[in-house]
Amino acid sequence: DDLAALDAVLAQAPAVRHVDEAWQCVQAQLALAHQYR
């Protein structure tokens, strides 16, 4: 379950071009890590 959710989050990374988008991507990864800490 964790890996499936992680794949969905990581799929956002190639579209990042600006800092605010990078922030959202990192935030999503850390939130998922919290759920499966």
Full PDB file with SEQRES, HELIX, SHEET, SSBOND, CRYST1, ORIGX, SCALE, CONECT and MASTER records, all heavy atoms in Angstrom:
SEQRES   1 A   37  ASP ASP LEU ALA ALA LEU ASP ALA VAL LEU ALA GLN ALA          
SEQRES   2 A   37  PRO ALA VAL ARG HIS VAL ASP GLU ALA TRP GLN CYS VAL          
SEQRES   3 A   37  GLN ALA GLN LEU ALA LEU ALA HIS GLN TYR ARG                  
HELIX    1 AA1 ASP A    2  LEU A   10  1                                   9    
HELIX    2 AA2 ALA A   13  ALA A   15  5                                   3    
HELIX    3 AA3 VAL A   19  GLN A   35  1                                  17    
CRYST1    1.000    1.000    1.000  90.00  90.00  90.00 P 1           1          
ORIGX1      1.000000  0.000000  0.000000        0.00000                         
ORIGX2      0.000000  1.000000  0.000000        0.00000                         
ORIGX3      0.000000  0.000000  1.000000        0.00000                         
SCALE1      1.000000  0.000000  0.000000        0.00000                         
SCALE2      0.000000  1.000000  0.000000        0.00000                         
SCALE3      0.000000  0.000000  1.000000        0.00000                         
ATOM      1  N   ASP A   1       0.833  -1.206   0.000  1.00  0.00           N  
ATOM      2  CA  ASP A   1       0.000   0.000   0.000  1.00  0.00           C  
ATOM      3  C   ASP A   1       0.864   1.251   0.000  1.00  0.00           C  
ATOM      4  O   ASP A   1       0.581   2.232  -0.702  1.00  0.00           O  
ATOM      5  CB  ASP A   1      -0.913   0.006   1.226  1.00  0.00           C  
ATOM      6  CG  ASP A   1      -2.062  -0.976   1.110  1.00  0.00           C  
ATOM      7  OD1 ASP A   1      -2.266  -1.533   0.009  1.00  0.00           O  
ATOM      8  OD2 ASP A   1      -2.762  -1.189   2.115  1.00  0.00           O  
ATOM      9  N   ASP A   2       1.929   1.234   0.820  1.00  0.00           N  
ATOM     10  CA  ASP A   2       2.828   2.383   0.905  1.00  0.00           C  
ATOM     11  C   ASP A   2       3.495   2.648  -0.437  1.00  0.00           C  
ATOM     12  O   ASP A   2       3.561   3.793  -0.906  1.00  0.00           O  
ATOM     13  CB  ASP A   2       3.876   2.119   1.987  1.00  0.00           C  
ATOM     14  CG  ASP A   2       4.795   3.314   2.213  1.00  0.00           C  
ATOM     15  OD1 ASP A   2       4.411   4.439   1.877  1.00  0.00           O  
ATOM     16  OD2 ASP A   2       5.902   3.104   2.741  1.00  0.00           O  
ATOM     17  N   LEU A   3       3.987   1.608  -1.082  1.00  0.00           N  
ATOM     18  CA  LEU A   3       4.685   1.772  -2.354  1.00  0.00           C  
ATOM     19  C   LEU A   3       3.734   2.262  -3.449  1.00  0.00           C  
ATOM     20  O   LEU A   3       4.125   3.081  -4.290  1.00  0.00           O  
ATOM     21  CB  LEU A   3       5.339   0.457  -2.773  1.00  0.00           C  
ATOM     22  CG  LEU A   3       6.561   0.016  -1.948  1.00  0.00           C  
ATOM     23  CD1 LEU A   3       7.050  -1.344  -2.414  1.00  0.00           C  
ATOM     24  CD2 LEU A   3       7.678   1.051  -2.057  1.00  0.00           C  
ATOM     25  N   ALA A   4       2.508   1.777  -3.443  1.00  0.00           N  
ATOM     26  CA  ALA A   4       1.536   2.232  -4.443  1.00  0.00           C  
ATOM     27  C   ALA A   4       1.246   3.720  -4.259  1.00  0.00           C  
ATOM     28  O   ALA A   4       1.187   4.485  -5.236  1.00  0.00           O  
ATOM     29  CB  ALA A   4       0.248   1.410  -4.327  1.00  0.00           C  
ATOM     30  N   ALA A   5       1.069   4.130  -3.010  1.00  0.00           N  
ATOM     31  CA  ALA A   5       0.826   5.551  -2.737  1.00  0.00           C  
ATOM     32  C   ALA A   5       2.060   6.382  -3.068  1.00  0.00           C  
ATOM     33  O   ALA A   5       1.949   7.498  -3.593  1.00  0.00           O  
ATOM     34  CB  ALA A   5       0.427   5.741  -1.275  1.00  0.00           C  
ATOM     35  N   LEU A   6       3.238   5.842  -2.783  1.00  0.00           N  
ATOM     36  CA  LEU A   6       4.473   6.562  -3.065  1.00  0.00           C  
ATOM     37  C   LEU A   6       4.654   6.772  -4.567  1.00  0.00           C  
ATOM     38  O   LEU A   6       5.072   7.847  -5.007  1.00  0.00           O  
ATOM     39  CB  LEU A   6       5.668   5.806  -2.496  1.00  0.00           C  
ATOM     40  CG  LEU A   6       7.040   6.451  -2.709  1.00  0.00           C  
ATOM     41  CD1 LEU A   6       7.111   7.804  -2.006  1.00  0.00           C  
ATOM     42  CD2 LEU A   6       8.146   5.527  -2.202  1.00  0.00           C  
ATOM     43  N   ASP A   7       4.345   5.764  -5.360  1.00  0.00           N  
ATOM     44  CA  ASP A   7       4.465   5.906  -6.814  1.00  0.00           C  
ATOM     45  C   ASP A   7       3.590   7.051  -7.324  1.00  0.00           C  
ATOM     46  O   ASP A   7       3.996   7.815  -8.215  1.00  0.00           O  
ATOM     47  CB  ASP A   7       4.071   4.604  -7.509  1.00  0.00           C  
ATOM     48  CG  ASP A   7       5.181   3.559  -7.460  1.00  0.00           C  
ATOM     49  OD1 ASP A   7       6.334   3.936  -7.181  1.00  0.00           O  
ATOM     50  OD2 ASP A   7       4.898   2.368  -7.697  1.00  0.00           O  
ATOM     51  N   ALA A   8       2.394   7.179  -6.768  1.00  0.00           N  
ATOM     52  CA  ALA A   8       1.502   8.261  -7.190  1.00  0.00           C  
ATOM     53  C   ALA A   8       2.087   9.625  -6.823  1.00  0.00           C  
ATOM     54  O   ALA A   8       1.990  10.584  -7.596  1.00  0.00           O  
ATOM     55  CB  ALA A   8       0.124   8.083  -6.537  1.00  0.00           C  
ATOM     56  N   VAL A   9       2.715   9.712  -5.659  1.00  0.00           N  
ATOM     57  CA  VAL A   9       3.317  10.972  -5.227  1.00  0.00           C  
ATOM     58  C   VAL A   9       4.547  11.296  -6.073  1.00  0.00           C  
ATOM     59  O   VAL A   9       4.729  12.432  -6.534  1.00  0.00           O  
ATOM     60  CB  VAL A   9       3.693  10.902  -3.738  1.00  0.00           C  
ATOM     61  CG1 VAL A   9       4.556  12.100  -3.334  1.00  0.00           C  
ATOM     62  CG2 VAL A   9       2.433  10.848  -2.876  1.00  0.00           C  
ATOM     63  N   LEU A  10       5.395  10.289  -6.302  1.00  0.00           N  
ATOM     64  CA  LEU A  10       6.629  10.522  -7.050  1.00  0.00           C  
ATOM     65  C   LEU A  10       6.362  10.874  -8.508  1.00  0.00           C  
ATOM     66  O   LEU A  10       7.202  11.501  -9.165  1.00  0.00           O  
ATOM     67  CB  LEU A  10       7.530   9.292  -6.975  1.00  0.00           C  
ATOM     68  CG  LEU A  10       8.044   8.910  -5.580  1.00  0.00           C  
ATOM     69  CD1 LEU A  10       8.962   7.690  -5.664  1.00  0.00           C  
ATOM     70  CD2 LEU A  10       8.767  10.076  -4.912  1.00  0.00           C  
ATOM     71  N   ALA A  11       5.210  10.479  -9.012  1.00  0.00           N  
ATOM     72  CA  ALA A  11       4.871  10.796 -10.399  1.00  0.00           C  
ATOM     73  C   ALA A  11       4.748  12.298 -10.631  1.00  0.00           C  
ATOM     74  O   ALA A  11       4.801  12.763 -11.775  1.00  0.00           O  
ATOM     75  CB  ALA A  11       3.561  10.102 -10.783  1.00  0.00           C  
ATOM     76  N   GLN A  12       4.609  13.079  -9.552  1.00  0.00           N  
ATOM     77  CA  GLN A  12       4.522  14.533  -9.685  1.00  0.00           C  
ATOM     78  C   GLN A  12       5.884  15.165  -9.968  1.00  0.00           C  
ATOM     79  O   GLN A  12       5.950  16.272 -10.510  1.00  0.00           O  
ATOM     80  CB  GLN A  12       3.964  15.140  -8.395  1.00  0.00           C  
ATOM     81  CG  GLN A  12       2.629  14.583  -7.932  1.00  0.00           C  
ATOM     82  CD  GLN A  12       2.275  15.071  -6.532  1.00  0.00           C  
ATOM     83  OE1 GLN A  12       2.782  16.083  -6.060  1.00  0.00           O  
ATOM     84  NE2 GLN A  12       1.402  14.339  -5.865  1.00  0.00           N  
ATOM     85  N   ALA A  13       6.961  14.497  -9.585  1.00  0.00           N  
ATOM     86  CA  ALA A  13       8.294  15.110  -9.609  1.00  0.00           C  
ATOM     87  C   ALA A  13       8.730  15.592 -10.999  1.00  0.00           C  
ATOM     88  O   ALA A  13       9.271  16.701 -11.121  1.00  0.00           O  
ATOM     89  CB  ALA A  13       9.321  14.147  -9.021  1.00  0.00           C  
ATOM     90  N   PRO A  14       8.558  14.807 -12.080  1.00  0.00           N  
ATOM     91  CA  PRO A  14       9.046  15.272 -13.383  1.00  0.00           C  
ATOM     92  C   PRO A  14       8.387  16.556 -13.880  1.00  0.00           C  
ATOM     93  O   PRO A  14       8.944  17.244 -14.751  1.00  0.00           O  
ATOM     94  CB  PRO A  14       8.722  14.093 -14.313  1.00  0.00           C  
ATOM     95  CG  PRO A  14       8.673  12.915 -13.411  1.00  0.00           C  
ATOM     96  CD  PRO A  14       8.071  13.421 -12.145  1.00  0.00           C  
ATOM     97  N   ALA A  15       7.206  16.893 -13.355  1.00  0.00           N  
ATOM     98  CA  ALA A  15       6.502  18.098 -13.804  1.00  0.00           C  
ATOM     99  C   ALA A  15       6.931  19.351 -13.040  1.00  0.00           C  
ATOM    100  O   ALA A  15       6.531  20.462 -13.403  1.00  0.00           O  
ATOM    101  CB  ALA A  15       4.993  17.905 -13.658  1.00  0.00           C  
ATOM    102  N   VAL A  16       7.740  19.188 -12.003  1.00  0.00           N  
ATOM    103  CA  VAL A  16       8.157  20.329 -11.181  1.00  0.00           C  
ATOM    104  C   VAL A  16       9.089  21.237 -11.984  1.00  0.00           C  
ATOM    105  O   VAL A  16      10.041  20.769 -12.613  1.00  0.00           O  
ATOM    106  CB  VAL A  16       8.860  19.849  -9.892  1.00  0.00           C  
ATOM    107  CG1 VAL A  16       9.563  21.001  -9.190  1.00  0.00           C  
ATOM    108  CG2 VAL A  16       7.850  19.192  -8.965  1.00  0.00           C  
ATOM    109  N   ARG A  17       8.805  22.539 -11.945  1.00  0.00           N  
ATOM    110  CA  ARG A  17       9.675  23.531 -12.584  1.00  0.00           C  
ATOM    111  C   ARG A  17      10.008  24.687 -11.645  1.00  0.00           C  
ATOM    112  O   ARG A  17      10.959  25.419 -11.892  1.00  0.00           O  
ATOM    113  CB  ARG A  17       9.011  24.099 -13.845  1.00  0.00           C  
ATOM    114  CG  ARG A  17       8.885  23.106 -14.986  1.00  0.00           C  
ATOM    115  CD  ARG A  17      10.246  22.638 -15.490  1.00  0.00           C  
ATOM    116  NE  ARG A  17      10.143  21.688 -16.590  1.00  0.00           N  
ATOM    117  CZ  ARG A  17      10.033  20.374 -16.421  1.00  0.00           C  
ATOM    118  NH1 ARG A  17      10.002  19.857 -15.195  1.00  0.00           N  
ATOM    119  NH2 ARG A  17       9.965  19.577 -17.461  1.00  0.00           N  
ATOM    120  N   HIS A  18       9.239  24.847 -10.584  1.00  0.00           N  
ATOM    121  CA  HIS A  18       9.443  25.998  -9.712  1.00  0.00           C  
ATOM    122  C   HIS A  18       9.396  25.570  -8.241  1.00  0.00           C  
ATOM    123  O   HIS A  18       8.903  24.485  -7.908  1.00  0.00           O  
ATOM    124  CB  HIS A  18       8.398  27.077  -9.999  1.00  0.00           C  
ATOM    125  CG  HIS A  18       8.444  27.569 -11.410  1.00  0.00           C  
ATOM    126  ND1 HIS A  18       9.489  28.329 -11.903  1.00  0.00           N  
ATOM    127  CD2 HIS A  18       7.588  27.382 -12.456  1.00  0.00           C  
ATOM    128  CE1 HIS A  18       9.276  28.602 -13.171  1.00  0.00           C  
ATOM    129  NE2 HIS A  18       8.142  28.044 -13.545  1.00  0.00           N  
ATOM    130  N   VAL A  19       9.908  26.431  -7.377  1.00  0.00           N  
ATOM    131  CA  VAL A  19      10.091  26.092  -5.968  1.00  0.00           C  
ATOM    132  C   VAL A  19       8.774  25.743  -5.286  1.00  0.00           C  
ATOM    133  O   VAL A  19       8.713  24.812  -4.476  1.00  0.00           O  
ATOM    134  CB  VAL A  19      10.793  27.249  -5.231  1.00  0.00           C  
ATOM    135  CG1 VAL A  19      10.662  27.106  -3.725  1.00  0.00           C  
ATOM    136  CG2 VAL A  19      12.264  27.305  -5.603  1.00  0.00           C  
ATOM    137  N   ASP A  20       7.709  26.475  -5.589  1.00  0.00           N  
ATOM    138  CA  ASP A  20       6.434  26.179  -4.937  1.00  0.00           C  
ATOM    139  C   ASP A  20       5.931  24.790  -5.309  1.00  0.00           C  
ATOM    140  O   ASP A  20       5.338  24.084  -4.473  1.00  0.00           O  
ATOM    141  CB  ASP A  20       5.396  27.248  -5.264  1.00  0.00           C  
ATOM    142  CG  ASP A  20       5.165  27.423  -6.752  1.00  0.00           C  
ATOM    143  OD1 ASP A  20       6.052  27.065  -7.549  1.00  0.00           O  
ATOM    144  OD2 ASP A  20       4.088  27.936  -7.129  1.00  0.00           O  
ATOM    145  N   GLU A  21       6.185  24.367  -6.538  1.00  0.00           N  
ATOM    146  CA  GLU A  21       5.797  23.014  -6.958  1.00  0.00           C  
ATOM    147  C   GLU A  21       6.674  21.971  -6.266  1.00  0.00           C  
ATOM    148  O   GLU A  21       6.186  20.900  -5.880  1.00  0.00           O  
ATOM    149  CB  GLU A  21       5.925  22.889  -8.471  1.00  0.00           C  
ATOM    150  CG  GLU A  21       5.000  23.828  -9.238  1.00  0.00           C  
ATOM    151  CD  GLU A  21       5.348  23.941 -10.708  1.00  0.00           C  
ATOM    152  OE1 GLU A  21       6.473  23.545 -11.099  1.00  0.00           O  
ATOM    153  OE2 GLU A  21       4.506  24.426 -11.477  1.00  0.00           O  
ATOM    154  N   ALA A  22       7.961  22.263  -6.117  1.00  0.00           N  
ATOM    155  CA  ALA A  22       8.852  21.350  -5.408  1.00  0.00           C  
ATOM    156  C   ALA A  22       8.417  21.202  -3.956  1.00  0.00           C  
ATOM    157  O   ALA A  22       8.443  20.102  -3.391  1.00  0.00           O  
ATOM    158  CB  ALA A  22      10.290  21.860  -5.482  1.00  0.00           C  
ATOM    159  N   TRP A  23       8.005  22.301  -3.346  1.00  0.00           N  
ATOM    160  CA  TRP A  23       7.535  22.262  -1.964  1.00  0.00           C  
ATOM    161  C   TRP A  23       6.354  21.303  -1.826  1.00  0.00           C  
ATOM    162  O   TRP A  23       6.309  20.469  -0.918  1.00  0.00           O  
ATOM    163  CB  TRP A  23       7.140  23.671  -1.517  1.00  0.00           C  
ATOM    164  CG  TRP A  23       6.628  23.748  -0.112  1.00  0.00           C  
ATOM    165  CD1 TRP A  23       5.384  23.396   0.348  1.00  0.00           C  
ATOM    166  CD2 TRP A  23       7.358  24.192   1.042  1.00  0.00           C  
ATOM    167  NE1 TRP A  23       5.283  23.603   1.699  1.00  0.00           N  
ATOM    168  CE2 TRP A  23       6.484  24.095   2.156  1.00  0.00           C  
ATOM    169  CE3 TRP A  23       8.651  24.683   1.236  1.00  0.00           C  
ATOM    170  CZ2 TRP A  23       6.880  24.455   3.448  1.00  0.00           C  
ATOM    171  CZ3 TRP A  23       9.040  25.044   2.522  1.00  0.00           C  
ATOM    172  CH2 TRP A  23       8.161  24.926   3.607  1.00  0.00           C  
ATOM    173  N   GLN A  24       5.386  21.412  -2.737  1.00  0.00           N  
ATOM    174  CA  GLN A  24       4.210  20.550  -2.685  1.00  0.00           C  
ATOM    175  C   GLN A  24       4.591  19.078  -2.841  1.00  0.00           C  
ATOM    176  O   GLN A  24       4.032  18.208  -2.153  1.00  0.00           O  
ATOM    177  CB  GLN A  24       3.220  20.960  -3.767  1.00  0.00           C  
ATOM    178  CG  GLN A  24       2.595  22.334  -3.541  1.00  0.00           C  
ATOM    179  CD  GLN A  24       1.728  22.780  -4.703  1.00  0.00           C  
ATOM    180  OE1 GLN A  24       1.492  22.029  -5.658  1.00  0.00           O  
ATOM    181  NE2 GLN A  24       1.233  24.003  -4.642  1.00  0.00           N  
ATOM    182  N   CYS A  25       5.541  18.789  -3.722  1.00  0.00           N  
ATOM    183  CA  CYS A  25       5.970  17.409  -3.941  1.00  0.00           C  
ATOM    184  C   CYS A  25       6.670  16.846  -2.706  1.00  0.00           C  
ATOM    185  O   CYS A  25       6.401  15.722  -2.283  1.00  0.00           O  
ATOM    186  CB  CYS A  25       6.885  17.356  -5.165  1.00  0.00           C  
ATOM    187  SG  CYS A  25       7.306  15.683  -5.715  1.00  0.00           S  
ATOM    188  N   VAL A  26       7.560  17.627  -2.124  1.00  0.00           N  
ATOM    189  CA  VAL A  26       8.266  17.193  -0.911  1.00  0.00           C  
ATOM    190  C   VAL A  26       7.285  17.037   0.244  1.00  0.00           C  
ATOM    191  O   VAL A  26       7.365  16.084   1.025  1.00  0.00           O  
ATOM    192  CB  VAL A  26       9.378  18.202  -0.558  1.00  0.00           C  
ATOM    193  CG1 VAL A  26       9.932  17.950   0.837  1.00  0.00           C  
ATOM    194  CG2 VAL A  26      10.500  18.116  -1.592  1.00  0.00           C  
ATOM    195  N   GLN A  27       6.350  17.950   0.344  1.00  0.00           N  
ATOM    196  CA  GLN A  27       5.342  17.883   1.404  1.00  0.00           C  
ATOM    197  C   GLN A  27       4.520  16.595   1.303  1.00  0.00           C  
ATOM    198  O   GLN A  27       4.240  15.936   2.312  1.00  0.00           O  
ATOM    199  CB  GLN A  27       4.429  19.097   1.307  1.00  0.00           C  
ATOM    200  CG  GLN A  27       3.420  19.251   2.427  1.00  0.00           C  
ATOM    201  CD  GLN A  27       2.632  20.528   2.281  1.00  0.00           C  
ATOM    202  OE1 GLN A  27       2.085  20.822   1.215  1.00  0.00           O  
ATOM    203  NE2 GLN A  27       2.571  21.319   3.336  1.00  0.00           N  
ATOM    204  N   ALA A  28       4.144  16.230   0.086  1.00  0.00           N  
ATOM    205  CA  ALA A  28       3.364  15.008  -0.109  1.00  0.00           C  
ATOM    206  C   ALA A  28       4.163  13.771   0.275  1.00  0.00           C  
ATOM    207  O   ALA A  28       3.631  12.826   0.874  1.00  0.00           O  
ATOM    208  CB  ALA A  28       2.900  14.909  -1.567  1.00  0.00           C  
ATOM    209  N   GLN A  29       5.460  13.752  -0.056  1.00  0.00           N  
ATOM    210  CA  GLN A  29       6.297  12.610   0.318  1.00  0.00           C  
ATOM    211  C   GLN A  29       6.439  12.484   1.826  1.00  0.00           C  
ATOM    212  O   GLN A  29       6.378  11.387   2.383  1.00  0.00           O  
ATOM    213  CB  GLN A  29       7.673  12.744  -0.326  1.00  0.00           C  
ATOM    214  CG  GLN A  29       7.697  12.539  -1.822  1.00  0.00           C  
ATOM    215  CD  GLN A  29       9.100  12.533  -2.373  1.00  0.00           C  
ATOM    216  OE1 GLN A  29       9.927  11.708  -1.995  1.00  0.00           O  
ATOM    217  NE2 GLN A  29       9.398  13.466  -3.263  1.00  0.00           N  
ATOM    218  N   LEU A  30       6.640  13.612   2.500  1.00  0.00           N  
ATOM    219  CA  LEU A  30       6.829  13.562   3.940  1.00  0.00           C  
ATOM    220  C   LEU A  30       5.534  13.186   4.654  1.00  0.00           C  
ATOM    221  O   LEU A  30       5.553  12.465   5.665  1.00  0.00           O  
ATOM    222  CB  LEU A  30       7.349  14.905   4.449  1.00  0.00           C  
ATOM    223  CG  LEU A  30       8.020  14.880   5.824  1.00  0.00           C  
ATOM    224  CD1 LEU A  30       9.231  13.950   5.817  1.00  0.00           C  
ATOM    225  CD2 LEU A  30       8.454  16.271   6.237  1.00  0.00           C  
ATOM    226  N   ALA A  31       4.403  13.648   4.124  1.00  0.00           N  
ATOM    227  CA  ALA A  31       3.121  13.271   4.708  1.00  0.00           C  
ATOM    228  C   ALA A  31       2.886  11.772   4.578  1.00  0.00           C  
ATOM    229  O   ALA A  31       2.379  11.124   5.506  1.00  0.00           O  
ATOM    230  CB  ALA A  31       1.993  14.043   4.027  1.00  0.00           C  
ATOM    231  N   LEU A  32       3.269  11.200   3.446  1.00  0.00           N  
ATOM    232  CA  LEU A  32       3.124   9.755   3.268  1.00  0.00           C  
ATOM    233  C   LEU A  32       4.066   9.006   4.203  1.00  0.00           C  
ATOM    234  O   LEU A  32       3.687   7.983   4.799  1.00  0.00           O  
ATOM    235  CB  LEU A  32       3.401   9.375   1.816  1.00  0.00           C  
ATOM    236  CG  LEU A  32       3.227   7.893   1.470  1.00  0.00           C  
ATOM    237  CD1 LEU A  32       1.803   7.431   1.726  1.00  0.00           C  
ATOM    238  CD2 LEU A  32       3.623   7.629   0.013  1.00  0.00           C  
ATOM    239  N   ALA A  33       5.292   9.489   4.349  1.00  0.00           N  
ATOM    240  CA  ALA A  33       6.233   8.860   5.282  1.00  0.00           C  
ATOM    241  C   ALA A  33       5.671   8.883   6.699  1.00  0.00           C  
ATOM    242  O   ALA A  33       5.895   7.948   7.479  1.00  0.00           O  
ATOM    243  CB  ALA A  33       7.579   9.578   5.238  1.00  0.00           C  
ATOM    244  N   HIS A  34       4.935   9.932   7.030  1.00  0.00           N  
ATOM    245  CA  HIS A  34       4.322  10.017   8.357  1.00  0.00           C  
ATOM    246  C   HIS A  34       3.265   8.925   8.538  1.00  0.00           C  
ATOM    247  O   HIS A  34       3.157   8.326   9.608  1.00  0.00           O  
ATOM    248  CB  HIS A  34       3.698  11.393   8.550  1.00  0.00           C  
ATOM    249  CG  HIS A  34       3.081  11.591   9.899  1.00  0.00           C  
ATOM    250  ND1 HIS A  34       3.829  11.811  11.028  1.00  0.00           N  
ATOM    251  CD2 HIS A  34       1.783  11.576  10.298  1.00  0.00           C  
ATOM    252  CE1 HIS A  34       3.024  11.935  12.073  1.00  0.00           C  
ATOM    253  NE2 HIS A  34       1.781  11.801  11.650  1.00  0.00           N  
ATOM    254  N   GLN A  35       2.492   8.665   7.503  1.00  0.00           N  
ATOM    255  CA  GLN A  35       1.447   7.653   7.601  1.00  0.00           C  
ATOM    256  C   GLN A  35       2.017   6.257   7.821  1.00  0.00           C  
ATOM    257  O   GLN A  35       1.382   5.413   8.462  1.00  0.00           O  
ATOM    258  CB  GLN A  35       0.599   7.662   6.333  1.00  0.00           C  
ATOM    259  CG  GLN A  35      -0.232   8.915   6.141  1.00  0.00           C  
ATOM    260  CD  GLN A  35      -1.037   8.859   4.856  1.00  0.00           C  
ATOM    261  OE1 GLN A  35      -1.551   7.803   4.464  1.00  0.00           O  
ATOM    262  NE2 GLN A  35      -1.149   9.989   4.184  1.00  0.00           N  
ATOM    263  N   TYR A  36       3.223   6.012   7.288  1.00  0.00           N  
ATOM    264  CA  TYR A  36       3.852   4.685   7.402  1.00  0.00           C  
ATOM    265  C   TYR A  36       5.188   4.791   8.133  1.00  0.00           C  
ATOM    266  O   TYR A  36       6.125   4.061   7.829  1.00  0.00           O  
ATOM    267  CB  TYR A  36       4.061   4.090   6.012  1.00  0.00           C  
ATOM    268  CG  TYR A  36       2.779   3.704   5.319  1.00  0.00           C  
ATOM    269  CD1 TYR A  36       2.087   4.625   4.536  1.00  0.00           C  
ATOM    270  CD2 TYR A  36       2.247   2.423   5.451  1.00  0.00           C  
ATOM    271  CE1 TYR A  36       0.904   4.279   3.894  1.00  0.00           C  
ATOM    272  CE2 TYR A  36       1.067   2.072   4.817  1.00  0.00           C  
ATOM    273  CZ  TYR A  36       0.409   2.999   4.037  1.00  0.00           C  
ATOM    274  OH  TYR A  36      -0.767   2.647   3.406  1.00  0.00           O  
ATOM    275  N   ARG A  37       5.264   5.659   9.133  1.00  0.00           N  
ATOM    276  CA  ARG A  37       6.545   5.946   9.766  1.00  0.00           C  
ATOM    277  C   ARG A  37       7.150   4.761  10.498  1.00  0.00           C  
ATOM    278  O   ARG A  37       8.360   4.708  10.685  1.00  0.00           O  
ATOM    279  CB  ARG A  37       6.423   7.146  10.715  1.00  0.00           C  
ATOM    280  CG  ARG A  37       5.383   7.005  11.800  1.00  0.00           C  
ATOM    281  CD  ARG A  37       5.111   8.370  12.446  1.00  0.00           C  
ATOM    282  NE  ARG A  37       4.082   8.323  13.479  1.00  0.00           N  
ATOM    283  CZ  ARG A  37       2.782   8.408  13.233  1.00  0.00           C  
ATOM    284  NH1 ARG A  37       2.361   8.511  11.992  1.00  0.00           N  
ATOM    285  NH2 ARG A  37       1.910   8.385  14.215  1.00  0.00           N  
TER     286      ARG A  37                                                      
MASTER        0    0    0    3    0    0    0    6  285    1    0    3          
END                                                                             
